Amino acid sequence: LGDTVICENREQGSFIWENFYDADTQVNEYDLTLYIRQ
């Protein structure tokens, strides 16, 4: 996952999932941007 970007698009919604891995803490941060149909 580290430092990858995952995207998916569907009729009901889409997302952009950006990963940032910190080797010192072994913690992965992932920022989600969501587009949800109203």
Full PDB file with SEQRES, HELIX, SHEET, SSBOND, CRYST1, ORIGX, SCALE, CONECT and MASTER records, all heavy atoms in Angstrom:
SEQRES   1 A   38  LEU GLY ASP THR VAL ILE CYS GLU ASN ARG GLU GLN GLY          
SEQRES   2 A   38  SER PHE ILE TRP GLU ASN PHE TYR ASP ALA ASP THR GLN          
SEQRES   3 A   38  VAL ASN GLU TYR ASP LEU THR LEU TYR ILE ARG GLN              
SHEET    1 AA1 3 VAL A   5  ASN A   9  0                                        
SHEET    2 AA1 3 GLY A  13  ASP A  22 -1                                        
SHEET    3 AA1 3 VAL A  27  ILE A  36 -1                                        
CRYST1    1.000    1.000    1.000  90.00  90.00  90.00 P 1           1          
ORIGX1      1.000000  0.000000  0.000000        0.00000                         
ORIGX2      0.000000  1.000000  0.000000        0.00000                         
ORIGX3      0.000000  0.000000  1.000000        0.00000                         
SCALE1      1.000000  0.000000  0.000000        0.00000                         
SCALE2      0.000000  1.000000  0.000000        0.00000                         
SCALE3      0.000000  0.000000  1.000000        0.00000                         
ATOM      1  N   LEU A   1       0.806  -1.225   0.000  1.00  0.00           N  
ATOM      2  CA  LEU A   1       0.000   0.000   0.000  1.00  0.00           C  
ATOM      3  C   LEU A   1       0.838   1.274   0.000  1.00  0.00           C  
ATOM      4  O   LEU A   1       0.419   2.291  -0.558  1.00  0.00           O  
ATOM      5  CB  LEU A   1      -0.933   0.019   1.216  1.00  0.00           C  
ATOM      6  CG  LEU A   1      -2.148  -0.895   1.185  1.00  0.00           C  
ATOM      7  CD1 LEU A   1      -2.978  -0.692   2.434  1.00  0.00           C  
ATOM      8  CD2 LEU A   1      -2.999  -0.647  -0.055  1.00  0.00           C  
ATOM      9  N   GLY A   2       2.000   1.228   0.641  1.00  0.00           N  
ATOM     10  CA  GLY A   2       2.770   2.438   0.895  1.00  0.00           C  
ATOM     11  C   GLY A   2       2.977   3.317  -0.324  1.00  0.00           C  
ATOM     12  O   GLY A   2       3.480   2.852  -1.362  1.00  0.00           O  
ATOM     13  N   ASP A   3       2.578   4.584  -0.216  1.00  0.00           N  
ATOM     14  CA  ASP A   3       2.787   5.596  -1.257  1.00  0.00           C  
ATOM     15  C   ASP A   3       2.140   5.242  -2.596  1.00  0.00           C  
ATOM     16  O   ASP A   3       2.653   5.604  -3.664  1.00  0.00           O  
ATOM     17  CB  ASP A   3       4.289   5.861  -1.454  1.00  0.00           C  
ATOM     18  CG  ASP A   3       4.944   6.350  -0.171  1.00  0.00           C  
ATOM     19  OD1 ASP A   3       4.316   7.152   0.536  1.00  0.00           O  
ATOM     20  OD2 ASP A   3       6.069   5.906   0.129  1.00  0.00           O  
ATOM     21  N   THR A   4       1.033   4.522  -2.531  1.00  0.00           N  
ATOM     22  CA  THR A   4       0.262   4.230  -3.741  1.00  0.00           C  
ATOM     23  C   THR A   4      -1.033   5.043  -3.729  1.00  0.00           C  
ATOM     24  O   THR A   4      -1.473   5.530  -2.691  1.00  0.00           O  
ATOM     25  CB  THR A   4      -0.102   2.738  -3.845  1.00  0.00           C  
ATOM     26  OG1 THR A   4      -0.961   2.380  -2.753  1.00  0.00           O  
ATOM     27  CG2 THR A   4       1.137   1.862  -3.825  1.00  0.00           C  
ATOM     28  N   VAL A   5      -1.639   5.163  -4.890  1.00  0.00           N  
ATOM     29  CA  VAL A   5      -2.942   5.818  -5.028  1.00  0.00           C  
ATOM     30  C   VAL A   5      -3.892   4.823  -5.678  1.00  0.00           C  
ATOM     31  O   VAL A   5      -3.586   4.243  -6.728  1.00  0.00           O  
ATOM     32  CB  VAL A   5      -2.858   7.096  -5.879  1.00  0.00           C  
ATOM     33  CG1 VAL A   5      -4.241   7.717  -6.036  1.00  0.00           C  
ATOM     34  CG2 VAL A   5      -1.897   8.096  -5.250  1.00  0.00           C  
ATOM     35  N   ILE A   6      -5.038   4.604  -5.041  1.00  0.00           N  
ATOM     36  CA  ILE A   6      -6.036   3.670  -5.539  1.00  0.00           C  
ATOM     37  C   ILE A   6      -7.309   4.445  -5.837  1.00  0.00           C  
ATOM     38  O   ILE A   6      -7.744   5.263  -5.016  1.00  0.00           O  
ATOM     39  CB  ILE A   6      -6.315   2.560  -4.512  1.00  0.00           C  
ATOM     40  CG1 ILE A   6      -5.019   1.818  -4.166  1.00  0.00           C  
ATOM     41  CG2 ILE A   6      -7.376   1.581  -5.023  1.00  0.00           C  
ATOM     42  CD1 ILE A   6      -5.140   0.870  -2.993  1.00  0.00           C  
ATOM     43  N   CYS A   7      -7.890   4.212  -6.990  1.00  0.00           N  
ATOM     44  CA  CYS A   7      -9.119   4.905  -7.382  1.00  0.00           C  
ATOM     45  C   CYS A   7     -10.166   3.893  -7.839  1.00  0.00           C  
ATOM     46  O   CYS A   7      -9.834   2.837  -8.380  1.00  0.00           O  
ATOM     47  CB  CYS A   7      -8.853   5.886  -8.525  1.00  0.00           C  
ATOM     48  SG  CYS A   7      -7.584   7.112  -8.182  1.00  0.00           S  
ATOM     49  N   GLU A   8     -11.408   4.235  -7.611  1.00  0.00           N  
ATOM     50  CA  GLU A   8     -12.505   3.395  -8.088  1.00  0.00           C  
ATOM     51  C   GLU A   8     -13.702   4.287  -8.384  1.00  0.00           C  
ATOM     52  O   GLU A   8     -14.001   5.216  -7.637  1.00  0.00           O  
ATOM     53  CB  GLU A   8     -12.871   2.327  -7.056  1.00  0.00           C  
ATOM     54  CG  GLU A   8     -13.830   1.286  -7.611  1.00  0.00           C  
ATOM     55  CD  GLU A   8     -13.939   0.051  -6.721  1.00  0.00           C  
ATOM     56  OE1 GLU A   8     -12.983  -0.232  -5.966  1.00  0.00           O  
ATOM     57  OE2 GLU A   8     -14.978  -0.616  -6.785  1.00  0.00           O  
ATOM     58  N   ASN A   9     -14.363   3.989  -9.493  1.00  0.00           N  
ATOM     59  CA  ASN A   9     -15.494   4.804  -9.933  1.00  0.00           C  
ATOM     60  C   ASN A   9     -16.711   3.917 -10.177  1.00  0.00           C  
ATOM     61  O   ASN A   9     -16.637   2.949 -10.938  1.00  0.00           O  
ATOM     62  CB  ASN A   9     -15.130   5.562 -11.215  1.00  0.00           C  
ATOM     63  CG  ASN A   9     -16.255   6.452 -11.683  1.00  0.00           C  
ATOM     64  OD1 ASN A   9     -16.942   7.067 -10.862  1.00  0.00           O  
ATOM     65  ND2 ASN A   9     -16.452   6.533 -12.990  1.00  0.00           N  
ATOM     66  N   ARG A  10     -17.801   4.242  -9.486  1.00  0.00           N  
ATOM     67  CA  ARG A  10     -19.055   3.522  -9.684  1.00  0.00           C  
ATOM     68  C   ARG A  10     -20.189   4.533  -9.803  1.00  0.00           C  
ATOM     69  O   ARG A  10     -20.019   5.704  -9.487  1.00  0.00           O  
ATOM     70  CB  ARG A  10     -19.321   2.555  -8.533  1.00  0.00           C  
ATOM     71  CG  ARG A  10     -18.207   1.546  -8.298  1.00  0.00           C  
ATOM     72  CD  ARG A  10     -18.677   0.386  -7.487  1.00  0.00           C  
ATOM     73  NE  ARG A  10     -17.568  -0.459  -7.043  1.00  0.00           N  
ATOM     74  CZ  ARG A  10     -17.726  -1.632  -6.432  1.00  0.00           C  
ATOM     75  NH1 ARG A  10     -18.948  -2.086  -6.177  1.00  0.00           N  
ATOM     76  NH2 ARG A  10     -16.693  -2.345  -6.058  1.00  0.00           N  
ATOM     77  N   GLU A  11     -21.340   4.054 -10.235  1.00  0.00           N  
ATOM     78  CA  GLU A  11     -22.457   4.967 -10.448  1.00  0.00           C  
ATOM     79  C   GLU A  11     -22.885   5.658  -9.155  1.00  0.00           C  
ATOM     80  O   GLU A  11     -23.211   6.848  -9.138  1.00  0.00           O  
ATOM     81  CB  GLU A  11     -23.648   4.205 -11.041  1.00  0.00           C  
ATOM     82  CG  GLU A  11     -24.846   5.098 -11.365  1.00  0.00           C  
ATOM     83  CD  GLU A  11     -25.974   4.322 -12.004  1.00  0.00           C  
ATOM     84  OE1 GLU A  11     -25.765   3.156 -12.394  1.00  0.00           O  
ATOM     85  OE2 GLU A  11     -27.079   4.889 -12.111  1.00  0.00           O  
ATOM     86  N   GLN A  12     -22.868   4.926  -8.051  1.00  0.00           N  
ATOM     87  CA  GLN A  12     -23.322   5.476  -6.782  1.00  0.00           C  
ATOM     88  C   GLN A  12     -22.265   6.352  -6.104  1.00  0.00           C  
ATOM     89  O   GLN A  12     -22.585   7.216  -5.284  1.00  0.00           O  
ATOM     90  CB  GLN A  12     -23.728   4.346  -5.833  1.00  0.00           C  
ATOM     91  CG  GLN A  12     -24.397   4.814  -4.548  1.00  0.00           C  
ATOM     92  CD  GLN A  12     -24.888   3.646  -3.715  1.00  0.00           C  
ATOM     93  OE1 GLN A  12     -25.073   2.536  -4.207  1.00  0.00           O  
ATOM     94  NE2 GLN A  12     -25.097   3.884  -2.421  1.00  0.00           N  
ATOM     95  N   GLY A  13     -21.003   6.138  -6.433  1.00  0.00           N  
ATOM     96  CA  GLY A  13     -19.955   6.927  -5.812  1.00  0.00           C  
ATOM     97  C   GLY A  13     -18.580   6.559  -6.345  1.00  0.00           C  
ATOM     98  O   GLY A  13     -18.407   5.540  -7.024  1.00  0.00           O  
ATOM     99  N   SER A  14     -17.615   7.400  -6.023  1.00  0.00           N  
ATOM    100  CA  SER A  14     -16.235   7.186  -6.432  1.00  0.00           C  
ATOM    101  C   SER A  14     -15.315   7.537  -5.264  1.00  0.00           C  
ATOM    102  O   SER A  14     -15.712   8.266  -4.346  1.00  0.00           O  
ATOM    103  CB  SER A  14     -15.874   8.063  -7.642  1.00  0.00           C  
ATOM    104  OG  SER A  14     -16.775   7.854  -8.717  1.00  0.00           O  
ATOM    105  N   PHE A  15     -14.082   7.007  -5.312  1.00  0.00           N  
ATOM    106  CA  PHE A  15     -13.125   7.396  -4.277  1.00  0.00           C  
ATOM    107  C   PHE A  15     -11.719   7.488  -4.845  1.00  0.00           C  
ATOM    108  O   PHE A  15     -11.384   6.831  -5.841  1.00  0.00           O  
ATOM    109  CB  PHE A  15     -13.149   6.444  -3.077  1.00  0.00           C  
ATOM    110  CG  PHE A  15     -12.559   5.076  -3.332  1.00  0.00           C  
ATOM    111  CD1 PHE A  15     -11.175   4.887  -3.311  1.00  0.00           C  
ATOM    112  CD2 PHE A  15     -13.366   3.974  -3.571  1.00  0.00           C  
ATOM    113  CE1 PHE A  15     -10.620   3.629  -3.534  1.00  0.00           C  
ATOM    114  CE2 PHE A  15     -12.823   2.713  -3.789  1.00  0.00           C  
ATOM    115  CZ  PHE A  15     -11.446   2.544  -3.770  1.00  0.00           C  
ATOM    116  N   ILE A  16     -10.911   8.318  -4.213  1.00  0.00           N  
ATOM    117  CA  ILE A  16      -9.470   8.391  -4.445  1.00  0.00           C  
ATOM    118  C   ILE A  16      -8.824   8.105  -3.092  1.00  0.00           C  
ATOM    119  O   ILE A  16      -9.094   8.784  -2.106  1.00  0.00           O  
ATOM    120  CB  ILE A  16      -9.028   9.775  -4.959  1.00  0.00           C  
ATOM    121  CG1 ILE A  16      -9.769  10.118  -6.257  1.00  0.00           C  
ATOM    122  CG2 ILE A  16      -7.515   9.804  -5.182  1.00  0.00           C  
ATOM    123  CD1 ILE A  16      -9.550  11.548  -6.708  1.00  0.00           C  
ATOM    124  N   TRP A  17      -7.975   7.082  -3.040  1.00  0.00           N  
ATOM    125  CA  TRP A  17      -7.382   6.606  -1.787  1.00  0.00           C  
ATOM    126  C   TRP A  17      -5.867   6.771  -1.904  1.00  0.00           C  
ATOM    127  O   TRP A  17      -5.213   6.037  -2.632  1.00  0.00           O  
ATOM    128  CB  TRP A  17      -7.803   5.149  -1.585  1.00  0.00           C  
ATOM    129  CG  TRP A  17      -7.163   4.410  -0.470  1.00  0.00           C  
ATOM    130  CD1 TRP A  17      -6.293   4.879   0.468  1.00  0.00           C  
ATOM    131  CD2 TRP A  17      -7.330   3.013  -0.179  1.00  0.00           C  
ATOM    132  NE1 TRP A  17      -5.913   3.877   1.330  1.00  0.00           N  
ATOM    133  CE2 TRP A  17      -6.546   2.730   0.958  1.00  0.00           C  
ATOM    134  CE3 TRP A  17      -8.081   1.998  -0.756  1.00  0.00           C  
ATOM    135  CZ2 TRP A  17      -6.469   1.454   1.505  1.00  0.00           C  
ATOM    136  CZ3 TRP A  17      -8.015   0.728  -0.212  1.00  0.00           C  
ATOM    137  CH2 TRP A  17      -7.225   0.468   0.916  1.00  0.00           C  
ATOM    138  N   GLU A  18      -5.317   7.772  -1.216  1.00  0.00           N  
ATOM    139  CA  GLU A  18      -3.886   8.076  -1.257  1.00  0.00           C  
ATOM    140  C   GLU A  18      -3.207   7.558   0.006  1.00  0.00           C  
ATOM    141  O   GLU A  18      -3.620   7.890   1.120  1.00  0.00           O  
ATOM    142  CB  GLU A  18      -3.665   9.581  -1.383  1.00  0.00           C  
ATOM    143  CG  GLU A  18      -4.287  10.188  -2.627  1.00  0.00           C  
ATOM    144  CD  GLU A  18      -4.127  11.689  -2.658  1.00  0.00           C  
ATOM    145  OE1 GLU A  18      -3.086  12.175  -3.157  1.00  0.00           O  
ATOM    146  OE2 GLU A  18      -5.047  12.379  -2.169  1.00  0.00           O  
ATOM    147  N   ASN A  19      -2.156   6.762  -0.166  1.00  0.00           N  
ATOM    148  CA  ASN A  19      -1.451   6.155   0.958  1.00  0.00           C  
ATOM    149  C   ASN A  19      -0.097   6.812   1.188  1.00  0.00           C  
ATOM    150  O   ASN A  19       0.632   7.123   0.240  1.00  0.00           O  
ATOM    151  CB  ASN A  19      -1.228   4.658   0.689  1.00  0.00           C  
ATOM    152  CG  ASN A  19      -2.518   3.874   0.713  1.00  0.00           C  
ATOM    153  OD1 ASN A  19      -2.990   3.475   1.756  1.00  0.00           O  
ATOM    154  ND2 ASN A  19      -3.105   3.658  -0.469  1.00  0.00           N  
ATOM    155  N   PHE A  20       0.255   6.989   2.474  1.00  0.00           N  
ATOM    156  CA  PHE A  20       1.550   7.550   2.863  1.00  0.00           C  
ATOM    157  C   PHE A  20       2.074   6.720   4.038  1.00  0.00           C  
ATOM    158  O   PHE A  20       1.509   6.740   5.129  1.00  0.00           O  
ATOM    159  CB  PHE A  20       1.397   9.017   3.275  1.00  0.00           C  
ATOM    160  CG  PHE A  20       0.726   9.868   2.241  1.00  0.00           C  
ATOM    161  CD1 PHE A  20      -0.642  10.102   2.304  1.00  0.00           C  
ATOM    162  CD2 PHE A  20       1.448  10.419   1.196  1.00  0.00           C  
ATOM    163  CE1 PHE A  20      -1.278  10.877   1.348  1.00  0.00           C  
ATOM    164  CE2 PHE A  20       0.818  11.202   0.226  1.00  0.00           C  
ATOM    165  CZ  PHE A  20      -0.541  11.433   0.309  1.00  0.00           C  
ATOM    166  N   TYR A  21       3.164   5.991   3.787  1.00  0.00           N  
ATOM    167  CA  TYR A  21       3.718   5.090   4.793  1.00  0.00           C  
ATOM    168  C   TYR A  21       4.896   5.722   5.504  1.00  0.00           C  
ATOM    169  O   TYR A  21       5.807   6.273   4.874  1.00  0.00           O  
ATOM    170  CB  TYR A  21       4.137   3.776   4.141  1.00  0.00           C  
ATOM    171  CG  TYR A  21       4.819   2.812   5.082  1.00  0.00           C  
ATOM    172  CD1 TYR A  21       4.080   2.105   6.020  1.00  0.00           C  
ATOM    173  CD2 TYR A  21       6.204   2.633   5.049  1.00  0.00           C  
ATOM    174  CE1 TYR A  21       4.703   1.223   6.902  1.00  0.00           C  
ATOM    175  CE2 TYR A  21       6.833   1.753   5.918  1.00  0.00           C  
ATOM    176  CZ  TYR A  21       6.072   1.058   6.837  1.00  0.00           C  
ATOM    177  OH  TYR A  21       6.690   0.197   7.707  1.00  0.00           O  
ATOM    178  N   ASP A  22       4.905   5.639   6.845  1.00  0.00           N  
ATOM    179  CA  ASP A  22       6.003   6.136   7.664  1.00  0.00           C  
ATOM    180  C   ASP A  22       6.788   4.938   8.193  1.00  0.00           C  
ATOM    181  O   ASP A  22       6.298   4.198   9.054  1.00  0.00           O  
ATOM    182  CB  ASP A  22       5.458   6.969   8.820  1.00  0.00           C  
ATOM    183  CG  ASP A  22       6.561   7.662   9.622  1.00  0.00           C  
ATOM    184  OD1 ASP A  22       7.606   7.041   9.843  1.00  0.00           O  
ATOM    185  OD2 ASP A  22       6.348   8.814  10.034  1.00  0.00           O  
ATOM    186  N   ALA A  23       7.992   4.753   7.689  1.00  0.00           N  
ATOM    187  CA  ALA A  23       8.789   3.576   8.065  1.00  0.00           C  
ATOM    188  C   ALA A  23       9.211   3.612   9.522  1.00  0.00           C  
ATOM    189  O   ALA A  23       9.389   2.554  10.143  1.00  0.00           O  
ATOM    190  CB  ALA A  23      10.030   3.487   7.166  1.00  0.00           C  
ATOM    191  N   ASP A  24       9.372   4.792  10.091  1.00  0.00           N  
ATOM    192  CA  ASP A  24       9.811   4.892  11.484  1.00  0.00           C  
ATOM    193  C   ASP A  24       8.727   4.428  12.454  1.00  0.00           C  
ATOM    194  O   ASP A  24       9.007   3.725  13.426  1.00  0.00           O  
ATOM    195  CB  ASP A  24      10.221   6.331  11.810  1.00  0.00           C  
ATOM    196  CG  ASP A  24      11.462   6.760  11.066  1.00  0.00           C  
ATOM    197  OD1 ASP A  24      12.295   5.889  10.749  1.00  0.00           O  
ATOM    198  OD2 ASP A  24      11.593   7.967  10.764  1.00  0.00           O  
ATOM    199  N   THR A  25       7.507   4.824  12.204  1.00  0.00           N  
ATOM    200  CA  THR A  25       6.397   4.462  13.102  1.00  0.00           C  
ATOM    201  C   THR A  25       5.646   3.223  12.638  1.00  0.00           C  
ATOM    202  O   THR A  25       4.836   2.685  13.379  1.00  0.00           O  
ATOM    203  CB  THR A  25       5.395   5.620  13.216  1.00  0.00           C  
ATOM    204  OG1 THR A  25       4.825   5.880  11.918  1.00  0.00           O  
ATOM    205  CG2 THR A  25       6.070   6.878  13.737  1.00  0.00           C  
ATOM    206  N   GLN A  26       5.913   2.777  11.403  1.00  0.00           N  
ATOM    207  CA  GLN A  26       5.180   1.664  10.777  1.00  0.00           C  
ATOM    208  C   GLN A  26       3.683   1.966  10.692  1.00  0.00           C  
ATOM    209  O   GLN A  26       2.850   1.068  10.732  1.00  0.00           O  
ATOM    210  CB  GLN A  26       5.419   0.353  11.531  1.00  0.00           C  
ATOM    211  CG  GLN A  26       6.867  -0.117  11.508  1.00  0.00           C  
ATOM    212  CD  GLN A  26       7.059  -1.442  12.207  1.00  0.00           C  
ATOM    213  OE1 GLN A  26       6.535  -1.671  13.304  1.00  0.00           O  
ATOM    214  NE2 GLN A  26       7.817  -2.327  11.605  1.00  0.00           N  
ATOM    215  N   VAL A  27       3.377   3.239  10.546  1.00  0.00           N  
ATOM    216  CA  VAL A  27       1.985   3.672  10.427  1.00  0.00           C  
ATOM    217  C   VAL A  27       1.710   4.100   8.992  1.00  0.00           C  
ATOM    218  O   VAL A  27       2.500   4.838   8.391  1.00  0.00           O  
ATOM    219  CB  VAL A  27       1.668   4.839  11.386  1.00  0.00           C  
ATOM    220  CG1 VAL A  27       0.293   5.441  11.089  1.00  0.00           C  
ATOM    221  CG2 VAL A  27       1.727   4.358  12.832  1.00  0.00           C  
ATOM    222  N   ASN A  28       0.596   3.631   8.445  1.00  0.00           N  
ATOM    223  CA  ASN A  28       0.162   4.014   7.110  1.00  0.00           C  
ATOM    224  C   ASN A  28      -0.994   5.003   7.222  1.00  0.00           C  
ATOM    225  O   ASN A  28      -2.009   4.713   7.858  1.00  0.00           O  
ATOM    226  CB  ASN A  28      -0.291   2.790   6.309  1.00  0.00           C  
ATOM    227  CG  ASN A  28      -0.551   3.119   4.852  1.00  0.00           C  
ATOM    228  OD1 ASN A  28       0.387   3.349   4.095  1.00  0.00           O  
ATOM    229  ND2 ASN A  28      -1.814   3.151   4.460  1.00  0.00           N  
ATOM    230  N   GLU A  29      -0.816   6.167   6.646  1.00  0.00           N  
ATOM    231  CA  GLU A  29      -1.894   7.158   6.570  1.00  0.00           C  
ATOM    232  C   GLU A  29      -2.572   7.019   5.216  1.00  0.00           C  
ATOM    233  O   GLU A  29      -1.908   6.961   4.185  1.00  0.00           O  
ATOM    234  CB  GLU A  29      -1.331   8.560   6.718  1.00  0.00           C  
ATOM    235  CG  GLU A  29      -2.352   9.674   6.452  1.00  0.00           C  
ATOM    236  CD  GLU A  29      -1.739  11.053   6.458  1.00  0.00           C  
ATOM    237  OE1 GLU A  29      -0.635  11.203   7.025  1.00  0.00           O  
ATOM    238  OE2 GLU A  29      -2.351  11.977   5.901  1.00  0.00           O  
ATOM    239  N   TYR A  30      -3.899   6.924   5.223  1.00  0.00           N  
ATOM    240  CA  TYR A  30      -4.561   6.995   3.927  1.00  0.00           C  
ATOM    241  C   TYR A  30      -5.656   8.040   3.938  1.00  0.00           C  
ATOM    242  O   TYR A  30      -6.488   8.101   4.814  1.00  0.00           O  
ATOM    243  CB  TYR A  30      -5.024   5.639   3.409  1.00  0.00           C  
ATOM    244  CG  TYR A  30      -5.996   4.823   4.206  1.00  0.00           C  
ATOM    245  CD1 TYR A  30      -7.371   4.909   3.974  1.00  0.00           C  
ATOM    246  CD2 TYR A  30      -5.555   3.882   5.134  1.00  0.00           C  
ATOM    247  CE1 TYR A  30      -8.269   4.120   4.659  1.00  0.00           C  
ATOM    248  CE2 TYR A  30      -6.445   3.083   5.833  1.00  0.00           C  
ATOM    249  CZ  TYR A  30      -7.804   3.210   5.581  1.00  0.00           C  
ATOM    250  OH  TYR A  30      -8.694   2.422   6.266  1.00  0.00           O  
ATOM    251  N   ASP A  31      -5.534   8.904   2.924  1.00  0.00           N  
ATOM    252  CA  ASP A  31      -6.469  10.011   2.758  1.00  0.00           C  
ATOM    253  C   ASP A  31      -7.502   9.634   1.710  1.00  0.00           C  
ATOM    254  O   ASP A  31      -7.157   9.345   0.558  1.00  0.00           O  
ATOM    255  CB  ASP A  31      -5.728  11.279   2.327  1.00  0.00           C  
ATOM    256  CG  ASP A  31      -4.733  11.752   3.370  1.00  0.00           C  
ATOM    257  OD1 ASP A  31      -4.944  11.432   4.556  1.00  0.00           O  
ATOM    258  OD2 ASP A  31      -3.755  12.417   3.005  1.00  0.00           O  
ATOM    259  N   LEU A  32      -8.755   9.639   2.127  1.00  0.00           N  
ATOM    260  CA  LEU A  32      -9.859   9.282   1.236  1.00  0.00           C  
ATOM    261  C   LEU A  32     -10.578  10.530   0.764  1.00  0.00           C  
ATOM    262  O   LEU A  32     -10.972  11.381   1.568  1.00  0.00           O  
ATOM    263  CB  LEU A  32     -10.865   8.395   1.970  1.00  0.00           C  
ATOM    264  CG  LEU A  32     -10.585   6.898   2.062  1.00  0.00           C  
ATOM    265  CD1 LEU A  32     -11.628   6.245   2.966  1.00  0.00           C  
ATOM    266  CD2 LEU A  32     -10.599   6.254   0.688  1.00  0.00           C  
ATOM    267  N   THR A  33     -10.726  10.639  -0.539  1.00  0.00           N  
ATOM    268  CA  THR A  33     -11.602  11.654  -1.124  1.00  0.00           C  
ATOM    269  C   THR A  33     -12.781  10.913  -1.750  1.00  0.00           C  
ATOM    270  O   THR A  33     -12.588  10.059  -2.621  1.00  0.00           O  
ATOM    271  CB  THR A  33     -10.872  12.478  -2.191  1.00  0.00           C  
ATOM    272  OG1 THR A  33      -9.714  13.084  -1.604  1.00  0.00           O  
ATOM    273  CG2 THR A  33     -11.785  13.567  -2.735  1.00  0.00           C  
ATOM    274  N   LEU A  34     -13.971  11.222  -1.281  1.00  0.00           N  
ATOM    275  CA  LEU A  34     -15.175  10.501  -1.681  1.00  0.00           C  
ATOM    276  C   LEU A  34     -16.101  11.415  -2.470  1.00  0.00           C  
ATOM    277  O   LEU A  34     -16.283  12.589  -2.130  1.00  0.00           O  
ATOM    278  CB  LEU A  34     -15.927   9.980  -0.449  1.00  0.00           C  
ATOM    279  CG  LEU A  34     -15.158   9.040   0.477  1.00  0.00           C  
ATOM    280  CD1 LEU A  34     -15.800   9.013   1.849  1.00  0.00           C  
ATOM    281  CD2 LEU A  34     -15.113   7.635  -0.118  1.00  0.00           C  
ATOM    282  N   TYR A  35     -16.696  10.860  -3.508  1.00  0.00           N  
ATOM    283  CA  TYR A  35     -17.740  11.539  -4.256  1.00  0.00           C  
ATOM    284  C   TYR A  35     -18.970  10.643  -4.199  1.00  0.00           C  
ATOM    285  O   TYR A  35     -18.992   9.554  -4.789  1.00  0.00           O  
ATOM    286  CB  TYR A  35     -17.307  11.784  -5.703  1.00  0.00           C  
ATOM    287  CG  TYR A  35     -16.106  12.696  -5.808  1.00  0.00           C  
ATOM    288  CD1 TYR A  35     -14.808  12.168  -5.781  1.00  0.00           C  
ATOM    289  CD2 TYR A  35     -16.253  14.074  -5.923  1.00  0.00           C  
ATOM    290  CE1 TYR A  35     -13.695  12.995  -5.865  1.00  0.00           C  
ATOM    291  CE2 TYR A  35     -15.147  14.909  -5.999  1.00  0.00           C  
ATOM    292  CZ  TYR A  35     -13.879  14.362  -5.972  1.00  0.00           C  
ATOM    293  OH  TYR A  35     -12.774  15.186  -6.057  1.00  0.00           O  
ATOM    294  N   ILE A  36     -19.974  11.084  -3.461  1.00  0.00           N  
ATOM    295  CA  ILE A  36     -21.138  10.243  -3.182  1.00  0.00           C  
ATOM    296  C   ILE A  36     -22.374  10.844  -3.839  1.00  0.00           C  
ATOM    297  O   ILE A  36     -22.681  12.037  -3.664  1.00  0.00           O  
ATOM    298  CB  ILE A  36     -21.361  10.103  -1.668  1.00  0.00           C  
ATOM    299  CG1 ILE A  36     -20.113   9.503  -1.006  1.00  0.00           C  
ATOM    300  CG2 ILE A  36     -22.586   9.229  -1.384  1.00  0.00           C  
ATOM    301  CD1 ILE A  36     -20.204   9.412   0.490  1.00  0.00           C  
ATOM    302  N   ARG A  37     -23.096  10.026  -4.593  1.00  0.00           N  
ATOM    303  CA  ARG A  37     -24.300  10.496  -5.281  1.00  0.00           C  
ATOM    304  C   ARG A  37     -25.392  10.829  -4.276  1.00  0.00           C  
ATOM    305  O   ARG A  37     -25.670  10.042  -3.356  1.00  0.00           O  
ATOM    306  CB  ARG A  37     -24.812   9.429  -6.254  1.00  0.00           C  
ATOM    307  CG  ARG A  37     -25.954   9.922  -7.165  1.00  0.00           C  
ATOM    308  CD  ARG A  37     -26.384   8.844  -8.121  1.00  0.00           C  
ATOM    309  NE  ARG A  37     -27.026   7.745  -7.419  1.00  0.00           N  
ATOM    310  CZ  ARG A  37     -27.399   6.594  -7.995  1.00  0.00           C  
ATOM    311  NH1 ARG A  37     -27.155   6.400  -9.283  1.00  0.00           N  
ATOM    312  NH2 ARG A  37     -27.969   5.647  -7.290  1.00  0.00           N  
ATOM    313  N   GLN A  38     -26.008  11.975  -4.429  1.00  0.00           N  
ATOM    314  CA  GLN A  38     -27.097  12.413  -3.570  1.00  0.00           C  
ATOM    315  C   GLN A  38     -28.445  12.029  -4.183  1.00  0.00           C  
ATOM    316  O   GLN A  38     -28.522  11.650  -5.353  1.00  0.00           O  
ATOM    317  CB  GLN A  38     -27.022  13.924  -3.354  1.00  0.00           C  
ATOM    318  CG  GLN A  38     -25.680  14.399  -2.833  1.00  0.00           C  
ATOM    319  CD  GLN A  38     -25.300  13.741  -1.510  1.00  0.00           C  
ATOM    320  OE1 GLN A  38     -25.987  13.884  -0.513  1.00  0.00           O  
ATOM    321  NE2 GLN A  38     -24.189  13.003  -1.504  1.00  0.00           N  
TER     322      GLN A  38                                                      
MASTER        0    0    0    0    3    0    0    6  321    1    0    3          
END                                                                             
